[in-house]
Amino acid sequence: MRIIVALDIIGGKCVRLTRGDFDTKKIYSEDPLAVARQVEENGIEFLHLVDLDGAKNKRIENLKVLEKIASQTQLKIDFGGGIRTDEDLKMVFDAGAVQVTAGSIAASDPALFMKWLSVYGPERLILGADYKDRKIAAGGWLEDSGMELISFLKDYREKGVSYTICTDIDRDGMLKGPAVDLYSEILENIDINLIASGGVSSLEDIEAIRKTGCEGVIVGKAFYEGKITLKELGRQC
């Protein structure tokens, strides 16, 4: 199972939100590159870089952070937030992203998402499935799409999607444990590379996710708050 560290960016700085609420913003570092280098130095290969400004404002805002990290580390970066057009997607890949997570577009413009999937392939495009009460949320978690999570995933899997990140909004930033039962339910019904996100607070949580068969797990606030060290995460890789 891949261990993936999350860097959420607002105004060029590393932050974390609680349950996606921008009013709960807490700055952890003024220098995302320094944090990324620490991730790499501890043997972790994968970074989930989220442009929260972009997600909220529906345009990419923190491309320079991606460019800097991609050019000065060997990390494999998945980027998400604010991608709305063909040009946006090309720009992000050109800036050094290995994969891109697209959630809002998958919910609001399925035809465009499928176009991207056909152009870039299922290995490079991740289906973002951020949910609350088992309903898909979009637009930086500010919009309720009304679509049921498992139906949403099943439909896109049948259309060729291989990867998805499922984030439980109610657990995100809460450090109260991941939605293990739901991840198990998804994988019992859908053959997909599932990346778990939200609520991870301990190595025990990571092990519980591993047992579900998830392809990856995203760890964010737990390492910022010292619940899990990067050294400990590196040993899990």
C-alpha atoms as a PDB file:
ATOM      1  CA  MET A   1       0.000   0.000   0.000  1.00  0.00           C
ATOM      2  CA  ARG A   2       1.317   3.430  -0.930  1.00  0.00           C
ATOM      3  CA  ILE A   3       1.951   5.933   1.831  1.00  0.00           C
ATOM      4  CA  ILE A   4       1.068   9.411   0.533  1.00  0.00           C
ATOM      5  CA  VAL A   5       1.705  12.634   2.447  1.00  0.00           C
ATOM      6  CA  ALA A   6      -0.719  15.518   1.943  1.00  0.00           C
ATOM      7  CA  LEU A   7       0.383  19.114   1.511  1.00  0.00           C
ATOM      8  CA  ASP A   8      -2.592  21.483   1.426  1.00  0.00           C
ATOM      9  CA  ILE A   9      -1.728  24.940   0.151  1.00  0.00           C
ATOM     10  CA  ILE A  10      -3.300  28.329   0.809  1.00  0.00           C
ATOM     11  CA  GLY A  11      -1.393  31.447  -0.188  1.00  0.00           C
ATOM     12  CA  GLY A  12       1.724  29.414  -0.901  1.00  0.00           C
ATOM     13  CA  LYS A  13       1.830  28.022   2.657  1.00  0.00           C
ATOM     14  CA  CYS A  14       1.210  24.557   4.118  1.00  0.00           C
ATOM     15  CA  VAL A  15      -2.064  24.537   6.027  1.00  0.00           C
ATOM     16  CA  ARG A  16      -4.691  22.152   7.326  1.00  0.00           C
ATOM     17  CA  LEU A  17      -8.417  22.653   7.573  1.00  0.00           C
ATOM     18  CA  THR A  18     -10.902  20.819   9.749  1.00  0.00           C
ATOM     19  CA  ARG A  19     -13.788  19.219   7.830  1.00  0.00           C
ATOM     20  CA  GLY A  20     -12.932  21.419   4.866  1.00  0.00           C
ATOM     21  CA  ASP A  21     -13.872  24.618   6.705  1.00  0.00           C
ATOM     22  CA  PHE A  22     -11.670  27.477   5.515  1.00  0.00           C
ATOM     23  CA  ASP A  23     -12.333  29.343   8.768  1.00  0.00           C
ATOM     24  CA  THR A  24     -10.397  26.626  10.636  1.00  0.00           C
ATOM     25  CA  LYS A  25      -7.196  27.209   8.654  1.00  0.00           C
ATOM     26  CA  LYS A  26      -4.012  26.507  10.588  1.00  0.00           C
ATOM     27  CA  ILE A  27      -0.628  27.303   9.043  1.00  0.00           C
ATOM     28  CA  TYR A  28       2.042  24.649   9.653  1.00  0.00           C
ATOM     29  CA  SER A  29       4.820  25.865   7.385  1.00  0.00           C
ATOM     30  CA  GLU A  30       5.654  28.925   5.320  1.00  0.00           C
ATOM     31  CA  ASP A  31       7.835  26.756   3.062  1.00  0.00           C
ATOM     32  CA  PRO A  32       6.134  23.803   1.298  1.00  0.00           C
ATOM     33  CA  LEU A  33       9.405  22.870  -0.438  1.00  0.00           C
ATOM     34  CA  ALA A  34      11.127  22.391   2.923  1.00  0.00           C
ATOM     35  CA  VAL A  35       8.300  20.108   4.061  1.00  0.00           C
ATOM     36  CA  ALA A  36       8.446  18.178   0.779  1.00  0.00           C
ATOM     37  CA  ARG A  37      12.184  17.676   1.203  1.00  0.00           C
ATOM     38  CA  GLN A  38      11.618  16.277   4.696  1.00  0.00           C
ATOM     39  CA  VAL A  39       9.069  13.868   3.231  1.00  0.00           C
ATOM     40  CA  GLU A  40      11.578  12.700   0.631  1.00  0.00           C
ATOM     41  CA  GLU A  41      14.439  12.434   3.123  1.00  0.00           C
ATOM     42  CA  ASN A  42      12.376   9.961   5.142  1.00  0.00           C
ATOM     43  CA  GLY A  43      11.977   7.582   2.221  1.00  0.00           C
ATOM     44  CA  ILE A  44       8.437   8.527   1.233  1.00  0.00           C
ATOM     45  CA  GLU A  45       7.912   8.739  -2.529  1.00  0.00           C
ATOM     46  CA  PHE A  46       4.398  10.123  -2.919  1.00  0.00           C
ATOM     47  CA  LEU A  47       2.925  13.568  -2.324  1.00  0.00           C
ATOM     48  CA  HIS A  48      -0.716  14.671  -2.552  1.00  0.00           C
ATOM     49  CA  LEU A  49      -0.532  18.408  -3.275  1.00  0.00           C
ATOM     50  CA  VAL A  50      -3.829  20.267  -2.947  1.00  0.00           C
ATOM     51  CA  ASP A  51      -4.371  23.841  -4.106  1.00  0.00           C
ATOM     52  CA  LEU A  52      -7.106  24.852  -1.659  1.00  0.00           C
ATOM     53  CA  ASP A  53      -7.235  28.378  -3.065  1.00  0.00           C
ATOM     54  CA  GLY A  54      -7.777  26.838  -6.476  1.00  0.00           C
ATOM     55  CA  ALA A  55     -10.506  24.491  -5.272  1.00  0.00           C
ATOM     56  CA  LYS A  56     -12.381  27.364  -3.663  1.00  0.00           C
ATOM     57  CA  ASN A  57     -11.911  29.902  -6.478  1.00  0.00           C
ATOM     58  CA  LYS A  58     -12.253  27.413  -9.364  1.00  0.00           C
ATOM     59  CA  ARG A  59      -8.903  28.312 -10.920  1.00  0.00           C
ATOM     60  CA  ILE A  60      -5.347  27.171 -10.239  1.00  0.00           C
ATOM     61  CA  GLU A  61      -3.702  29.504  -7.737  1.00  0.00           C
ATOM     62  CA  ASN A  62      -0.582  27.718  -6.461  1.00  0.00           C
ATOM     63  CA  LEU A  63       1.076  26.317  -9.580  1.00  0.00           C
ATOM     64  CA  LYS A  64       4.463  27.730  -8.533  1.00  0.00           C
ATOM     65  CA  VAL A  65       4.457  25.510  -5.453  1.00  0.00           C
ATOM     66  CA  LEU A  66       4.012  22.462  -7.697  1.00  0.00           C
ATOM     67  CA  GLU A  67       6.756  23.628 -10.066  1.00  0.00           C
ATOM     68  CA  LYS A  68       9.201  24.212  -7.225  1.00  0.00           C
ATOM     69  CA  ILE A  69       8.623  20.878  -5.505  1.00  0.00           C
ATOM     70  CA  ALA A  70       8.612  18.904  -8.760  1.00  0.00           C
ATOM     71  CA  SER A  71      11.840  20.495  -9.983  1.00  0.00           C
ATOM     72  CA  GLN A  72      13.733  20.217  -6.689  1.00  0.00           C
ATOM     73  CA  THR A  73      12.678  16.771  -5.422  1.00  0.00           C
ATOM     74  CA  GLN A  74      12.102  13.320  -6.907  1.00  0.00           C
ATOM     75  CA  LEU A  75       8.682  12.996  -5.295  1.00  0.00           C
ATOM     76  CA  LYS A  76       5.831  11.598  -7.372  1.00  0.00           C
ATOM     77  CA  ILE A  77       3.207  14.310  -7.067  1.00  0.00           C
ATOM     78  CA  ASP A  78      -0.548  14.041  -7.411  1.00  0.00           C
ATOM     79  CA  PHE A  79      -2.033  17.538  -7.780  1.00  0.00           C
ATOM     80  CA  GLY A  80      -5.606  18.680  -7.289  1.00  0.00           C
ATOM     81  CA  GLY A  81      -7.575  21.897  -6.913  1.00  0.00           C
ATOM     82  CA  GLY A  82      -8.875  24.418  -9.403  1.00  0.00           C
ATOM     83  CA  ILE A  83      -8.449  22.368 -12.568  1.00  0.00           C
ATOM     84  CA  ARG A  84     -11.336  23.297 -14.855  1.00  0.00           C
ATOM     85  CA  THR A  85     -10.087  23.296 -18.467  1.00  0.00           C
ATOM     86  CA  ASP A  86      -7.925  21.341 -20.902  1.00  0.00           C
ATOM     87  CA  GLU A  87      -5.323  24.081 -20.572  1.00  0.00           C
ATOM     88  CA  ASP A  88      -5.338  23.808 -16.782  1.00  0.00           C
ATOM     89  CA  LEU A  89      -4.727  20.077 -16.936  1.00  0.00           C
ATOM     90  CA  LYS A  90      -1.892  20.379 -19.447  1.00  0.00           C
ATOM     91  CA  MET A  91      -0.324  23.139 -17.373  1.00  0.00           C
ATOM     92  CA  VAL A  92      -0.326  20.975 -14.241  1.00  0.00           C
ATOM     93  CA  PHE A  93       1.238  18.000 -16.005  1.00  0.00           C
ATOM     94  CA  ASP A  94       3.822  20.286 -17.638  1.00  0.00           C
ATOM     95  CA  ALA A  95       4.630  21.678 -14.178  1.00  0.00           C
ATOM     96  CA  GLY A  96       5.626  18.205 -13.011  1.00  0.00           C
ATOM     97  CA  ALA A  97       2.582  16.405 -11.638  1.00  0.00           C
ATOM     98  CA  VAL A  98       2.641  12.636 -12.222  1.00  0.00           C
ATOM     99  CA  GLN A  99      -1.062  12.268 -11.493  1.00  0.00           C
ATOM    100  CA  VAL A 100      -3.955  14.703 -11.237  1.00  0.00           C
ATOM    101  CA  THR A 101      -7.015  14.389  -9.047  1.00  0.00           C
ATOM    102  CA  ALA A 102     -10.216  15.694 -10.625  1.00  0.00           C
ATOM    103  CA  GLY A 103     -13.317  15.676  -8.469  1.00  0.00           C
ATOM    104  CA  SER A 104     -15.463  18.719  -9.117  1.00  0.00           C
ATOM    105  CA  ILE A 105     -15.298  18.278 -12.894  1.00  0.00           C
ATOM    106  CA  ALA A 106     -16.181  14.589 -12.579  1.00  0.00           C
ATOM    107  CA  ALA A 107     -19.310  15.637 -10.706  1.00  0.00           C
ATOM    108  CA  SER A 108     -20.273  18.683 -12.772  1.00  0.00           C
ATOM    109  CA  ASP A 109     -19.004  17.902 -16.283  1.00  0.00           C
ATOM    110  CA  PRO A 110     -18.668  14.137 -16.853  1.00  0.00           C
ATOM    111  CA  ALA A 111     -18.053  14.589 -20.582  1.00  0.00           C
ATOM    112  CA  LEU A 112     -14.978  16.728 -19.951  1.00  0.00           C
ATOM    113  CA  PHE A 113     -13.687  14.297 -17.331  1.00  0.00           C
ATOM    114  CA  MET A 114     -14.067  11.412 -19.778  1.00  0.00           C
ATOM    115  CA  LYS A 115     -12.241  13.415 -22.435  1.00  0.00           C
ATOM    116  CA  TRP A 116      -9.334  13.865 -20.025  1.00  0.00           C
ATOM    117  CA  LEU A 117      -9.407  10.164 -19.192  1.00  0.00           C
ATOM    118  CA  SER A 118      -9.156   9.250 -22.870  1.00  0.00           C
ATOM    119  CA  VAL A 119      -6.320  11.721 -23.530  1.00  0.00           C
ATOM    120  CA  TYR A 120      -4.150  11.050 -20.462  1.00  0.00           C
ATOM    121  CA  GLY A 121      -5.198   7.521 -19.507  1.00  0.00           C
ATOM    122  CA  PRO A 122      -6.413   5.929 -16.264  1.00  0.00           C
ATOM    123  CA  GLU A 123      -2.924   5.791 -14.730  1.00  0.00           C
ATOM    124  CA  ARG A 124      -2.608   9.584 -14.671  1.00  0.00           C
ATOM    125  CA  LEU A 125      -6.112  10.750 -13.841  1.00  0.00           C
ATOM    126  CA  ILE A 126      -7.506  10.093 -10.353  1.00  0.00           C
ATOM    127  CA  LEU A 127     -11.217  10.351  -9.655  1.00  0.00           C
ATOM    128  CA  GLY A 128     -11.717  12.616  -6.659  1.00  0.00           C
ATOM    129  CA  ALA A 129     -14.602  11.331  -4.541  1.00  0.00           C
ATOM    130  CA  ASP A 130     -14.921  13.648  -1.554  1.00  0.00           C
ATOM    131  CA  TYR A 131     -18.074  12.805   0.346  1.00  0.00           C
ATOM    132  CA  LYS A 132     -20.288  13.773   3.264  1.00  0.00           C
ATOM    133  CA  ASP A 133     -23.065  11.478   4.465  1.00  0.00           C
ATOM    134  CA  ARG A 134     -22.195   9.240   1.495  1.00  0.00           C
ATOM    135  CA  LYS A 135     -22.965  12.047  -0.978  1.00  0.00           C
ATOM    136  CA  ILE A 136     -20.354  13.520  -3.318  1.00  0.00           C
ATOM    137  CA  ALA A 137     -19.234  17.084  -2.557  1.00  0.00           C
ATOM    138  CA  ALA A 138     -17.463  19.390  -5.007  1.00  0.00           C
ATOM    139  CA  GLY A 139     -16.046  22.893  -5.348  1.00  0.00           C
ATOM    140  CA  GLY A 140     -13.670  22.710  -2.409  1.00  0.00           C
ATOM    141  CA  TRP A 141     -16.346  20.780  -0.477  1.00  0.00           C
ATOM    142  CA  LEU A 142     -18.646  23.790  -0.622  1.00  0.00           C
ATOM    143  CA  GLU A 143     -21.150  22.211  -3.044  1.00  0.00           C
ATOM    144  CA  ASP A 144     -23.341  19.129  -2.511  1.00  0.00           C
ATOM    145  CA  SER A 145     -23.757  17.283  -5.802  1.00  0.00           C
ATOM    146  CA  GLY A 146     -26.492  15.011  -4.459  1.00  0.00           C
ATOM    147  CA  MET A 147     -24.811  11.947  -6.028  1.00  0.00           C
ATOM    148  CA  GLU A 148     -24.465   8.795  -3.930  1.00  0.00           C
ATOM    149  CA  LEU A 149     -20.835   7.748  -3.379  1.00  0.00           C
ATOM    150  CA  ILE A 150     -20.817   4.075  -4.356  1.00  0.00           C
ATOM    151  CA  SER A 151     -23.017   4.644  -7.418  1.00  0.00           C
ATOM    152  CA  PHE A 152     -20.701   7.481  -8.463  1.00  0.00           C
ATOM    153  CA  LEU A 153     -17.632   5.254  -8.125  1.00  0.00           C
ATOM    154  CA  LYS A 154     -19.239   2.266  -9.827  1.00  0.00           C
ATOM    155  CA  ASP A 155     -20.346   4.357 -12.797  1.00  0.00           C
ATOM    156  CA  TYR A 156     -16.889   5.802 -13.364  1.00  0.00           C
ATOM    157  CA  ARG A 157     -15.180   2.438 -12.853  1.00  0.00           C
ATOM    158  CA  GLU A 158     -17.367   1.021 -15.635  1.00  0.00           C
ATOM    159  CA  LYS A 159     -16.233   3.950 -17.807  1.00  0.00           C
ATOM    160  CA  GLY A 160     -12.554   3.101 -17.316  1.00  0.00           C
ATOM    161  CA  VAL A 161     -11.397   4.907 -14.175  1.00  0.00           C
ATOM    162  CA  SER A 162      -8.676   2.987 -12.298  1.00  0.00           C
ATOM    163  CA  TYR A 163      -7.851   5.242  -9.341  1.00  0.00           C
ATOM    164  CA  THR A 164      -9.964   7.124  -6.842  1.00  0.00           C
ATOM    165  CA  ILE A 165      -9.292   9.136  -3.699  1.00  0.00           C
ATOM    166  CA  CYS A 166     -12.177   8.866  -1.246  1.00  0.00           C
ATOM    167  CA  THR A 167     -12.124  11.566   1.424  1.00  0.00           C
ATOM    168  CA  ASP A 168     -14.585  11.508   4.298  1.00  0.00           C
ATOM    169  CA  ILE A 169     -15.189  15.219   4.899  1.00  0.00           C
ATOM    170  CA  ASP A 170     -16.599  14.686   8.384  1.00  0.00           C
ATOM    171  CA  ARG A 171     -13.395  12.896   9.410  1.00  0.00           C
ATOM    172  CA  ASP A 172     -10.898  15.102   7.600  1.00  0.00           C
ATOM    173  CA  GLY A 173      -8.606  16.865  10.049  1.00  0.00           C
ATOM    174  CA  MET A 174     -10.415  15.357  13.031  1.00  0.00           C
ATOM    175  CA  LEU A 175      -7.801  12.669  13.883  1.00  0.00           C
ATOM    176  CA  LYS A 176     -10.590  10.321  14.971  1.00  0.00           C
ATOM    177  CA  GLY A 177      -9.954   7.387  12.664  1.00  0.00           C
ATOM    178  CA  PRO A 178     -10.721   6.577   9.013  1.00  0.00           C
ATOM    179  CA  ALA A 179     -13.899   5.188   7.457  1.00  0.00           C
ATOM    180  CA  VAL A 180     -12.574   1.627   7.361  1.00  0.00           C
ATOM    181  CA  ASP A 181     -15.973  -0.070   7.086  1.00  0.00           C
ATOM    182  CA  LEU A 182     -16.968   2.067   4.122  1.00  0.00           C
ATOM    183  CA  TYR A 183     -13.670   1.427   2.340  1.00  0.00           C
ATOM    184  CA  SER A 184     -14.225  -2.306   2.816  1.00  0.00           C
ATOM    185  CA  GLU A 185     -17.750  -1.956   1.427  1.00  0.00           C
ATOM    186  CA  ILE A 186     -16.485  -0.084  -1.633  1.00  0.00           C
ATOM    187  CA  LEU A 187     -13.823  -2.678  -2.390  1.00  0.00           C
ATOM    188  CA  GLU A 188     -16.260  -5.544  -1.924  1.00  0.00           C
ATOM    189  CA  ASN A 189     -18.441  -4.014  -4.648  1.00  0.00           C
ATOM    190  CA  ILE A 190     -15.975  -2.277  -6.985  1.00  0.00           C
ATOM    191  CA  ASP A 191     -12.610  -3.407  -8.342  1.00  0.00           C
ATOM    192  CA  ILE A 192     -10.744  -0.103  -8.149  1.00  0.00           C
ATOM    193  CA  ASN A 193      -7.466   1.302  -6.811  1.00  0.00           C
ATOM    194  CA  LEU A 194      -8.839   3.039  -3.735  1.00  0.00           C
ATOM    195  CA  ILE A 195      -6.810   5.669  -1.889  1.00  0.00           C
ATOM    196  CA  ALA A 196      -8.148   6.335   1.605  1.00  0.00           C
ATOM    197  CA  SER A 197      -8.182   9.868   2.983  1.00  0.00           C
ATOM    198  CA  GLY A 198      -9.524  11.491   6.127  1.00  0.00           C
ATOM    199  CA  GLY A 199      -9.234  10.773   9.834  1.00  0.00           C
ATOM    200  CA  VAL A 200      -5.895   8.940   9.945  1.00  0.00           C
ATOM    201  CA  SER A 201      -4.362   9.523  13.378  1.00  0.00           C
ATOM    202  CA  SER A 202      -2.060   6.579  14.097  1.00  0.00           C
ATOM    203  CA  LEU A 203      -0.044   3.708  12.669  1.00  0.00           C
ATOM    204  CA  GLU A 204      -2.919   1.461  13.782  1.00  0.00           C
ATOM    205  CA  ASP A 205      -5.251   3.395  11.480  1.00  0.00           C
ATOM    206  CA  ILE A 206      -2.847   2.839   8.592  1.00  0.00           C
ATOM    207  CA  GLU A 207      -2.723  -0.884   9.315  1.00  0.00           C
ATOM    208  CA  ALA A 208      -6.524  -1.056   9.445  1.00  0.00           C
ATOM    209  CA  ILE A 209      -6.702   0.628   6.025  1.00  0.00           C
ATOM    210  CA  ARG A 210      -4.060  -1.743   4.668  1.00  0.00           C
ATOM    211  CA  LYS A 211      -6.219  -4.706   5.681  1.00  0.00           C
ATOM    212  CA  THR A 212      -9.162  -3.418   3.633  1.00  0.00           C
ATOM    213  CA  GLY A 213      -7.099  -3.744   0.440  1.00  0.00           C
ATOM    214  CA  CYS A 214      -6.783  -0.022  -0.276  1.00  0.00           C
ATOM    215  CA  GLU A 215      -4.093   0.842  -2.835  1.00  0.00           C
ATOM    216  CA  GLY A 216      -2.943   3.875  -0.851  1.00  0.00           C
ATOM    217  CA  VAL A 217      -3.523   6.054   2.198  1.00  0.00           C
ATOM    218  CA  ILE A 218      -3.140   9.808   2.537  1.00  0.00           C
ATOM    219  CA  VAL A 219      -1.726  11.163   5.787  1.00  0.00           C
ATOM    220  CA  GLY A 220      -1.903  14.873   6.543  1.00  0.00           C
ATOM    221  CA  LYS A 221      -2.770  16.403   9.885  1.00  0.00           C
ATOM    222  CA  ALA A 222      -1.482  13.380  11.832  1.00  0.00           C
ATOM    223  CA  PHE A 223       2.115  14.130  10.909  1.00  0.00           C
ATOM    224  CA  TYR A 224       1.741  17.906  11.200  1.00  0.00           C
ATOM    225  CA  GLU A 225       0.429  17.440  14.737  1.00  0.00           C
ATOM    226  CA  GLY A 226       3.111  14.884  15.640  1.00  0.00           C
ATOM    227  CA  LYS A 227       0.719  11.938  15.971  1.00  0.00           C
ATOM    228  CA  ILE A 228       2.832  10.068  13.408  1.00  0.00           C
ATOM    229  CA  THR A 229       6.383  11.049  12.449  1.00  0.00           C
ATOM    230  CA  LEU A 230       7.679  11.082   8.897  1.00  0.00           C
ATOM    231  CA  LYS A 231      10.278   8.557  10.016  1.00  0.00           C
ATOM    232  CA  GLU A 232       7.504   6.198  11.124  1.00  0.00           C
ATOM    233  CA  LEU A 233       5.673   6.756   7.848  1.00  0.00           C
ATOM    234  CA  GLY A 234       8.846   6.012   5.926  1.00  0.00           C
ATOM    235  CA  ARG A 235       9.090   2.625   7.625  1.00  0.00           C
ATOM    236  CA  GLN A 236       5.590   1.821   6.316  1.00  0.00           C
ATOM    237  CA  CYS A 237       6.648   2.262   2.699  1.00  0.00           C
END
